[in-house]
């Protein structure tokens, strides 16, 4: 029961750990995804800023006038247009105009740039509601802003950062009251970004790890349980005969005596000693002696029919039997059956005269509810009865009765 409880707790801890790992990996993937989206959009912004810087340092650049590039009506400079010849007219492109043209090209790649300001010169540069909010927070000291949005049913990432007035910008913006370092507007960058995280792979991976861990826990617990049972069996069982050992008997008799006192029921004890076993070992060898002990132990166990009856090897060639709720008459009857069944094994023993086969002597004692002796007393009485059985010729059952010994008739 304790092992099952510990196994349940261990499995619960493992599943909690796997669930925690799943959550941590999912959260980490989301954080990493946010970083990638933010850095990607910011990189586009910085590229535009660098391009504008290049343009501003050259005080604008000249390009041919054509259907796509018309002179900028908002650029007030005497050298805005240059007539090279009848076929070629050049017009000056300032940073703002260049940004708009780059935005048109980027839009073909589903990337949207927008140059805007709270005080735009060109009406088309008026900020959207989202851009307006960002421009206002920039004035409060916020350096940049990024968030996921949805456009036309698609996930997008919106990024915006301010543009600060530099010396070369004052040529166009000084009349608006801007000074060097002032925020004169900003550029927003909107890029498509897939918000999906490979949940299926992440989930299946953790389910697989969880199942493998559970299999490992169950396998380990099974092996540990088997090892524990083996050790426990070795600690409580006789290695040779397989029946409980003396230690196990000591624990069991204490339990049965307590039950006997509580329930006011008799408890009987039988001590069994194989006759002339030393001679058997000397004559047939220890290997045969071991086989003899195994057969006798098995025969004793086969004679006991009730689940509560208990047999143990007490030491050497001695065995003990505990019979709960068994009167003296019942105990003597069972002892006699054991003696007869050992005889029926017909194990040849030439040194055992006159039987010529392996036999046993048995001493019986009974604890009645009014008597309630200690373990040592019950053992002493049975051992004394066993001694009398040997003195009276062996291969017999003797019962200890108040200092008197009663031999059963064969």
Protein backbone atom coordinates (compact mmCIF):
# COMPACT_ATOMS: atom_id res chain seq x y z
CA UNK A 1 0.00 0.00 0.00
CA UNK A 2 2.83 2.37 0.90
CA UNK A 3 4.60 1.53 -2.35
CA UNK A 4 1.46 2.33 -4.37
CA UNK A 5 1.06 5.62 -2.53
CA UNK A 6 4.67 6.58 -3.21
CA UNK A 7 4.30 5.51 -6.84
CA UNK A 8 1.21 7.71 -7.23
CA UNK A 9 3.02 10.69 -5.69
CA UNK A 10 6.07 10.10 -7.92
CA UNK A 11 3.89 9.91 -11.06
CA UNK A 12 2.05 13.07 -10.01
CA UNK A 13 5.34 14.89 -9.48
CA UNK A 14 6.63 13.71 -12.85
CA UNK A 15 3.48 14.83 -14.69
CA UNK A 16 3.65 18.17 -12.87
CA UNK A 17 7.27 18.54 -13.98
CA UNK A 18 6.39 17.69 -17.61
CA UNK A 19 3.44 20.12 -17.53
CA UNK A 20 5.73 22.79 -16.09
CA UNK A 21 8.28 22.09 -18.83
CA UNK A 22 5.56 22.40 -21.48
CA UNK A 23 4.37 25.71 -20.06
CA UNK A 24 7.94 27.01 -19.76
CA UNK A 25 8.80 26.00 -23.34
CA UNK A 26 5.57 27.49 -24.64
CA UNK A 27 6.15 30.74 -22.73
CA UNK A 28 9.77 30.83 -23.91
CA UNK A 29 8.65 30.30 -27.51
CA UNK A 30 6.19 33.17 -27.20
CA UNK A 31 8.84 35.45 -25.70
CA UNK A 32 11.30 34.48 -28.44
CA UNK A 33 8.63 35.03 -31.07
CA UNK A 34 7.93 38.51 -29.68
CA UNK A 35 11.65 39.30 -29.74
CA UNK A 36 11.98 38.18 -33.36
CA UNK A 37 8.93 40.19 -34.45
CA UNK A 38 10.09 43.28 -32.59
CA UNK A 39 13.67 43.05 -33.84
CA UNK A 40 12.62 42.37 -37.44
CA UNK A 41 10.35 45.41 -37.56
CA UNK A 42 12.97 47.52 -35.79
CA UNK A 43 15.58 46.47 -38.35
CA UNK A 44 13.36 47.74 -41.17
CA UNK A 45 12.89 51.01 -39.29
CA UNK A 46 16.63 51.45 -38.75
CA UNK A 47 17.31 50.72 -42.42
CA UNK A 48 14.90 53.49 -43.44
CA UNK A 49 16.48 55.87 -40.92
CA UNK A 50 19.96 55.16 -42.28
CA UNK A 51 18.74 55.70 -45.87
CA UNK A 52 17.13 59.01 -44.84
CA UNK A 53 20.35 60.00 -43.11
CA UNK A 54 22.27 59.38 -46.31
CA UNK A 55 19.81 61.52 -48.23
CA UNK A 56 19.89 64.32 -45.66
CA UNK A 57 23.68 64.44 -45.60
CA UNK A 58 23.62 65.03 -49.34
CA UNK A 59 20.94 67.72 -48.93
CA UNK A 60 18.64 65.61 -51.03
CA UNK A 61 19.33 63.75 -54.27
CA UNK A 62 18.22 64.40 -57.83
CA UNK A 63 16.31 61.90 -59.94
CA UNK A 64 14.67 62.13 -63.36
CA UNK A 65 11.10 63.40 -63.44
CA UNK A 66 8.73 60.75 -64.84
CA UNK A 67 5.21 59.44 -64.41
CA UNK A 68 6.02 57.85 -61.02
CA UNK A 69 8.24 60.67 -59.73
CA UNK A 70 6.75 64.13 -59.95
CA UNK A 71 8.31 67.29 -58.42
CA UNK A 72 7.54 67.52 -54.72
CA UNK A 73 5.06 70.41 -54.24
CA UNK A 74 5.88 70.58 -50.53
CA UNK A 75 9.60 71.11 -51.08
CA UNK A 76 10.31 74.85 -51.19
CA UNK A 77 13.84 75.28 -52.55
CA UNK A 78 15.07 77.31 -55.59
CA UNK A 79 17.03 74.35 -56.90
CA UNK A 80 14.16 71.82 -56.66
CA UNK A 81 14.08 71.17 -60.44
CA UNK A 82 16.96 71.24 -62.92
CA UNK A 83 16.36 71.22 -66.69
CA UNK A 84 19.23 69.28 -68.16
CA UNK A 85 17.89 69.24 -71.74
CA UNK A 86 14.63 68.85 -73.59
CA UNK A 87 14.45 65.14 -72.76
CA UNK A 88 15.70 65.20 -69.13
CA UNK A 89 14.53 67.16 -66.09
CA UNK A 90 15.85 66.33 -62.64
CA UNK A 91 13.92 66.94 -59.44
CA UNK A 92 15.20 66.95 -55.89
CA UNK A 93 14.09 64.12 -53.62
CA UNK A 94 14.26 64.97 -49.94
CA UNK A 95 14.24 62.29 -47.14
CA UNK A 96 10.47 62.48 -46.71
CA UNK A 97 9.72 62.00 -50.41
CA UNK A 98 12.27 59.20 -50.61
CA UNK A 99 10.64 57.47 -47.62
CA UNK A 100 7.26 57.54 -49.36
CA UNK A 101 8.70 56.01 -52.51
CA UNK A 102 10.49 53.28 -50.55
CA UNK A 103 7.20 52.57 -48.78
CA UNK A 104 5.47 52.08 -52.14
CA UNK A 105 8.10 49.53 -53.17
CA UNK A 106 7.95 47.78 -49.76
CA UNK A 107 4.20 47.52 -50.00
CA UNK A 108 4.66 45.11 -52.89
CA UNK A 109 6.38 42.82 -50.33
CA UNK A 110 3.47 43.24 -47.88
CA UNK A 111 5.56 45.55 -45.69
CA UNK A 112 4.06 48.93 -44.83
CA UNK A 113 6.08 52.03 -43.92
CA UNK A 114 4.43 55.29 -43.02
CA UNK A 115 6.13 58.59 -42.29
CA UNK A 116 3.88 60.61 -40.02
CA UNK A 117 3.73 63.50 -37.60
CA UNK A 118 1.33 65.26 -35.29
CA UNK A 119 2.11 68.41 -37.31
CA UNK A 120 2.66 67.16 -40.89
CA UNK A 121 3.53 69.40 -43.82
CA UNK A 122 1.95 66.96 -46.27
CA UNK A 123 -1.71 66.08 -45.41
CA UNK A 124 -1.19 62.44 -46.43
CA UNK A 125 1.30 62.13 -43.56
CA UNK A 126 -1.46 62.55 -41.03
CA UNK A 127 -1.19 59.82 -38.37
CA UNK A 128 -3.65 56.96 -37.97
CA UNK A 129 -5.30 56.60 -34.53
CA UNK A 130 -2.73 53.95 -33.55
CA UNK A 131 0.16 56.11 -34.78
CA UNK A 132 -1.25 59.15 -33.00
CA UNK A 133 -1.24 57.27 -29.68
CA UNK A 134 2.36 56.20 -30.28
CA UNK A 135 3.48 59.77 -31.16
CA UNK A 136 1.97 61.09 -27.93
CA UNK A 137 3.74 58.48 -25.77
CA UNK A 138 7.01 59.35 -27.55
CA UNK A 139 6.62 62.91 -26.31
CA UNK A 140 6.40 61.48 -22.78
CA UNK A 141 9.79 59.81 -23.14
CA UNK A 142 8.88 56.37 -24.51
CA UNK A 143 11.54 55.28 -27.01
CA UNK A 144 9.61 52.80 -29.19
CA UNK A 145 6.39 50.84 -29.37
CA UNK A 146 5.47 47.43 -30.78
CA UNK A 147 2.33 45.28 -30.74
CA UNK A 148 0.48 42.55 -32.62
CA UNK A 149 -2.50 43.73 -34.67
CA UNK A 150 -4.90 42.24 -37.18
CA UNK A 151 -5.41 43.62 -40.67
CA UNK A 152 -7.78 42.08 -43.19
CA UNK A 153 -7.96 38.94 -41.08
CA UNK A 154 -4.17 38.49 -40.99
CA UNK A 155 -1.78 38.75 -38.07
CA UNK A 156 0.61 41.69 -38.35
CA UNK A 157 3.23 43.28 -36.14
CA UNK A 158 3.14 47.05 -35.75
CA UNK A 159 6.31 48.89 -34.76
CA UNK A 160 6.90 52.60 -34.45
CA UNK A 161 9.76 54.79 -33.24
CA UNK A 162 10.25 58.56 -33.23
CA UNK A 163 12.30 60.69 -35.60
CA UNK A 164 14.35 63.41 -33.93
CA UNK A 165 15.30 66.66 -35.64
CA UNK A 166 18.92 66.89 -36.76
CA UNK A 167 20.85 69.90 -38.09
CA UNK A 168 20.29 68.99 -41.73
CA UNK A 169 16.55 68.64 -41.06
CA UNK A 170 16.17 72.25 -39.95
CA UNK A 171 16.35 73.48 -43.55
CA UNK A 172 12.80 72.23 -44.03
CA UNK A 173 11.42 72.10 -40.50
CA UNK A 174 12.84 75.15 -38.72
CA UNK A 175 9.87 77.23 -39.90
CA UNK A 176 7.58 74.81 -38.02
CA UNK A 177 9.34 75.71 -34.78
CA UNK A 178 11.41 72.54 -34.44
CA UNK A 179 14.82 72.66 -32.83
CA UNK A 180 17.62 70.15 -32.92
CA UNK A 181 16.71 67.08 -30.85
CA UNK A 182 12.95 67.65 -30.98
CA UNK A 183 10.63 64.82 -31.95
CA UNK A 184 9.15 65.92 -35.25
CA UNK A 185 7.31 62.71 -36.03
CA UNK A 186 7.92 59.00 -36.51
CA UNK A 187 7.93 56.10 -38.90
CA UNK A 188 5.65 53.13 -38.43
CA UNK A 189 6.52 49.70 -39.80
CA UNK A 190 3.85 47.03 -40.20
CA UNK A 191 4.99 43.54 -41.22
CA UNK A 192 3.13 40.24 -41.61
CA UNK A 193 4.02 37.84 -38.79
CA UNK A 194 2.79 34.33 -38.17
CA UNK A 195 1.72 34.08 -34.53
CA UNK A 196 1.38 30.32 -34.59
CA UNK A 197 3.70 28.29 -32.37
CA UNK A 198 4.22 24.61 -33.33
CA UNK A 199 1.86 23.52 -30.55
CA UNK A 200 1.30 20.06 -31.97
CA UNK A 201 4.99 19.20 -32.06
CA UNK A 202 5.54 20.77 -28.64
CA UNK A 203 2.55 18.96 -27.14
CA UNK A 204 3.33 15.59 -28.73
CA UNK A 205 6.96 15.90 -27.65
CA UNK A 206 5.99 16.49 -24.02
CA UNK A 207 3.34 13.75 -24.11
CA UNK A 208 6.03 11.38 -25.38
CA UNK A 209 8.43 12.48 -22.65
CA UNK A 210 5.66 12.13 -20.06
CA UNK A 211 4.77 8.60 -21.20
CA UNK A 212 8.41 7.50 -21.34
CA UNK A 213 8.91 8.88 -17.86
CA UNK A 214 5.83 7.07 -16.55
CA UNK A 215 7.01 3.81 -18.15
CA UNK A 216 10.40 4.34 -16.53
CA UNK A 217 8.80 5.06 -13.16
CA UNK A 218 6.54 2.00 -13.37
CA UNK A 219 9.40 -0.21 -14.54
CA UNK A 220 11.70 1.11 -11.84
CA UNK A 221 8.98 0.75 -9.20
CA UNK A 222 8.26 -2.80 -10.32
CA UNK A 223 11.91 -3.71 -10.08
CA UNK A 224 12.22 -1.93 -6.77
CA UNK A 225 9.11 -3.70 -5.50
CA UNK A 226 10.47 -7.06 -6.63
CA UNK A 227 13.79 -6.31 -5.02
CA UNK A 228 12.04 -5.23 -1.83
CA UNK A 229 9.91 -8.38 -1.81
CA UNK A 230 13.02 -10.48 -2.41
CA UNK A 231 14.89 -8.80 0.42
CA UNK A 232 11.84 -9.02 2.67
CA UNK A 233 11.40 -12.67 1.79
CA UNK A 234 15.08 -13.33 2.47
CA UNK A 235 14.74 -11.55 5.80
CA UNK A 236 11.63 -13.47 6.88
CA UNK A 237 12.00 -16.80 5.06
CA UNK A 238 14.35 -19.71 5.54
CA UNK A 239 16.66 -19.83 2.55
CA UNK A 240 16.81 -23.62 2.40
CA UNK A 241 13.22 -24.75 2.98
CA UNK A 242 11.34 -21.62 1.86
CA UNK A 243 9.15 -21.56 5.00
CA UNK A 244 9.25 -18.57 7.40
CA UNK A 245 12.36 -18.33 9.56
CA UNK A 246 12.85 -17.91 13.31
CA UNK A 247 12.67 -14.12 13.12
CA UNK A 248 9.35 -14.30 11.33
CA UNK A 249 8.09 -16.76 13.95
CA UNK A 250 9.07 -14.38 16.78
CA UNK A 251 7.04 -11.60 15.18
CA UNK A 252 4.07 -13.87 14.48
CA UNK A 253 3.82 -15.41 17.96
CA UNK A 254 3.72 -11.94 19.53
CA UNK A 255 0.83 -10.99 17.27
CA UNK A 256 -1.04 -14.25 17.95
CA UNK A 257 -0.59 -14.01 21.73
CA UNK A 258 -2.04 -10.50 21.72
CA UNK A 259 -4.96 -11.68 19.60
CA UNK A 260 -5.48 -14.67 21.90
CA UNK A 261 -5.70 -12.41 24.96
CA UNK A 262 -7.98 -9.94 23.21
CA UNK A 263 -10.39 -12.54 21.77
CA UNK A 264 -10.13 -14.96 24.74
CA UNK A 265 -9.27 -17.81 22.42
CA UNK A 266 -6.69 -20.56 22.92
CA UNK A 267 -3.35 -20.55 21.11
CA UNK A 268 -1.41 -23.78 20.58
CA UNK A 269 2.24 -24.35 19.71
CA UNK A 270 3.97 -27.43 18.29
CA UNK A 271 7.73 -27.94 18.22
CA UNK A 272 8.87 -30.60 15.76
CA UNK A 273 12.30 -32.22 15.77
CA UNK A 274 13.49 -34.71 13.13
CA UNK A 275 14.72 -37.85 14.88
CA UNK A 276 18.41 -38.74 14.61
CA UNK A 277 18.97 -36.06 11.97
CA UNK A 278 22.67 -35.70 12.83
CA UNK A 279 23.17 -39.35 12.00
CA UNK A 280 21.24 -38.83 8.75
CA UNK A 281 23.62 -36.04 7.74
CA UNK A 282 26.66 -38.04 8.70
CA UNK A 283 25.52 -41.10 6.77
CA UNK A 284 23.95 -39.56 3.64
CA UNK A 285 25.78 -36.24 3.44
CA UNK A 286 24.64 -32.66 3.84
CA UNK A 287 23.15 -32.44 0.37
CA UNK A 288 20.77 -35.28 1.12
CA UNK A 289 20.18 -33.75 4.53
CA UNK A 290 19.07 -30.51 2.90
CA UNK A 291 16.69 -32.39 0.65
CA UNK A 292 15.27 -34.17 3.69
CA UNK A 293 14.62 -30.86 5.47
CA UNK A 294 12.85 -29.48 2.40
CA UNK A 295 10.55 -32.49 2.13
CA UNK A 296 9.70 -32.44 5.83
CA UNK A 297 8.99 -28.67 5.77
CA UNK A 298 6.70 -29.10 2.76
CA UNK A 299 4.88 -32.02 4.38
CA UNK A 300 4.24 -30.01 7.54
CA UNK A 301 2.82 -27.12 5.49
CA UNK A 302 0.65 -29.54 3.49
CA UNK A 303 -0.82 -30.89 6.72
CA UNK A 304 -1.93 -27.46 7.90
CA UNK A 305 -5.27 -26.66 6.27
CA UNK A 306 -6.35 -23.34 7.77
CA UNK A 307 -5.04 -20.03 6.40
CA UNK A 308 -4.18 -18.79 9.90
CA UNK A 309 -1.98 -21.77 10.79
CA UNK A 310 1.71 -20.93 10.70
CA UNK A 311 4.84 -23.05 10.17
CA UNK A 312 8.44 -21.89 10.51
CA UNK A 313 11.91 -23.37 10.68
CA UNK A 314 13.08 -22.82 14.24
CA UNK A 315 16.68 -23.90 13.73
CA UNK A 316 18.68 -26.90 12.49
CA UNK A 317 16.25 -29.80 12.20
CA UNK A 318 13.52 -28.13 14.34
CA UNK A 319 10.27 -26.63 13.09
CA UNK A 320 7.49 -24.81 14.97
CA UNK A 321 3.77 -24.60 14.21
CA UNK A 322 1.41 -21.95 15.59
CA UNK A 323 -2.29 -22.84 15.72
CA UNK A 324 -4.52 -19.84 16.55
CA UNK A 325 -7.93 -20.53 18.13
CA UNK A 326 -6.99 -24.18 18.60
CA UNK A 327 -7.63 -26.15 21.80
CA UNK A 328 -5.17 -28.62 23.28
CA UNK A 329 -7.11 -31.56 21.83
CA UNK A 330 -7.15 -30.01 18.38
CA UNK A 331 -3.45 -29.20 18.55
CA UNK A 332 -2.57 -32.77 19.57
CA UNK A 333 -4.70 -34.09 16.72
CA UNK A 334 -2.90 -31.90 14.17
CA UNK A 335 0.50 -32.81 15.67
CA UNK A 336 -0.31 -36.49 15.27
CA UNK A 337 -1.29 -35.92 11.60
CA UNK A 338 2.04 -34.17 11.04
CA UNK A 339 3.92 -37.07 12.62
CA UNK A 340 2.09 -39.61 10.47
CA UNK A 341 2.56 -37.61 7.28
CA UNK A 342 6.31 -37.36 7.90
CA UNK A 343 6.40 -41.12 8.25
CA UNK A 344 4.52 -41.44 4.96
CA UNK A 345 7.37 -39.70 3.16
CA UNK A 346 9.29 -42.98 3.70
CA UNK A 347 12.66 -41.26 3.52
CA UNK A 348 15.18 -44.07 4.12
CA UNK A 349 17.19 -43.57 7.32
CA UNK A 350 19.14 -46.70 8.25
CA UNK A 351 20.49 -45.09 11.42
CA UNK A 352 16.95 -44.57 12.75
CA UNK A 353 16.14 -47.71 14.71
CA UNK A 354 13.78 -49.45 14.63
CA UNK A 355 11.76 -47.54 11.98
CA UNK A 356 14.49 -47.33 9.31
CA UNK A 357 12.89 -44.17 7.91
CA UNK A 358 12.87 -40.49 8.84
CA UNK A 359 10.49 -39.77 11.75
CA UNK A 360 9.85 -36.82 14.06
CA UNK A 361 9.15 -36.09 17.70
CA UNK A 362 6.64 -33.39 18.58
CA UNK A 363 5.97 -31.34 21.74
CA UNK A 364 2.66 -29.51 22.15
CA UNK A 365 1.57 -26.72 24.51
CA UNK A 366 -1.62 -24.66 24.61
CA UNK A 367 -2.36 -21.24 26.02
CA UNK A 368 -5.97 -20.97 27.27
CA UNK A 369 -7.57 -17.56 27.69
CA UNK A 370 -7.40 -17.80 31.50
CA UNK A 371 -3.75 -18.79 31.37
CA UNK A 372 -2.31 -16.07 29.07
CA UNK A 373 1.39 -17.02 29.38
CA UNK A 374 4.26 -15.19 27.78
CA UNK A 375 5.96 -16.28 24.59
CA UNK A 376 8.84 -17.80 26.56
CA UNK A 377 6.45 -19.79 28.74
CA UNK A 378 4.59 -21.24 25.77
CA UNK A 379 7.88 -22.16 24.11
CA UNK A 380 9.24 -23.64 27.31
CA UNK A 381 6.23 -25.90 27.76
CA UNK A 382 6.33 -27.13 24.15
CA UNK A 383 10.08 -27.67 24.35
CA UNK A 384 9.68 -29.60 27.59
CA UNK A 385 7.03 -31.79 25.96
CA UNK A 386 9.39 -32.36 23.02
CA UNK A 387 12.14 -33.43 25.42
CA UNK A 388 9.76 -35.95 26.97
CA UNK A 389 8.87 -37.29 23.50
CA UNK A 390 12.55 -37.96 22.83
CA UNK A 391 13.06 -39.52 26.24
CA UNK A 392 10.13 -41.83 25.66
CA UNK A 393 11.56 -43.22 22.43
CA UNK A 394 10.98 -40.57 19.75
CA UNK A 395 8.49 -40.69 16.85
CA UNK A 396 5.66 -39.59 19.09
CA UNK A 397 3.59 -36.59 20.22
CA UNK A 398 3.67 -35.41 23.84
CA UNK A 399 1.42 -32.68 25.26
CA UNK A 400 2.43 -30.49 28.19
CA UNK A 401 -0.43 -30.24 30.69
CA UNK A 402 0.21 -28.31 33.91
CA UNK A 403 3.58 -29.90 34.60
CA UNK A 404 2.37 -33.30 33.41
CA UNK A 405 3.08 -34.83 30.04
CA UNK A 406 0.52 -36.73 28.02
CA UNK A 407 1.71 -38.97 25.22
CA UNK A 408 -0.50 -39.78 22.27
CA UNK A 409 -0.79 -43.40 21.34
CA UNK A 410 0.50 -44.50 18.00
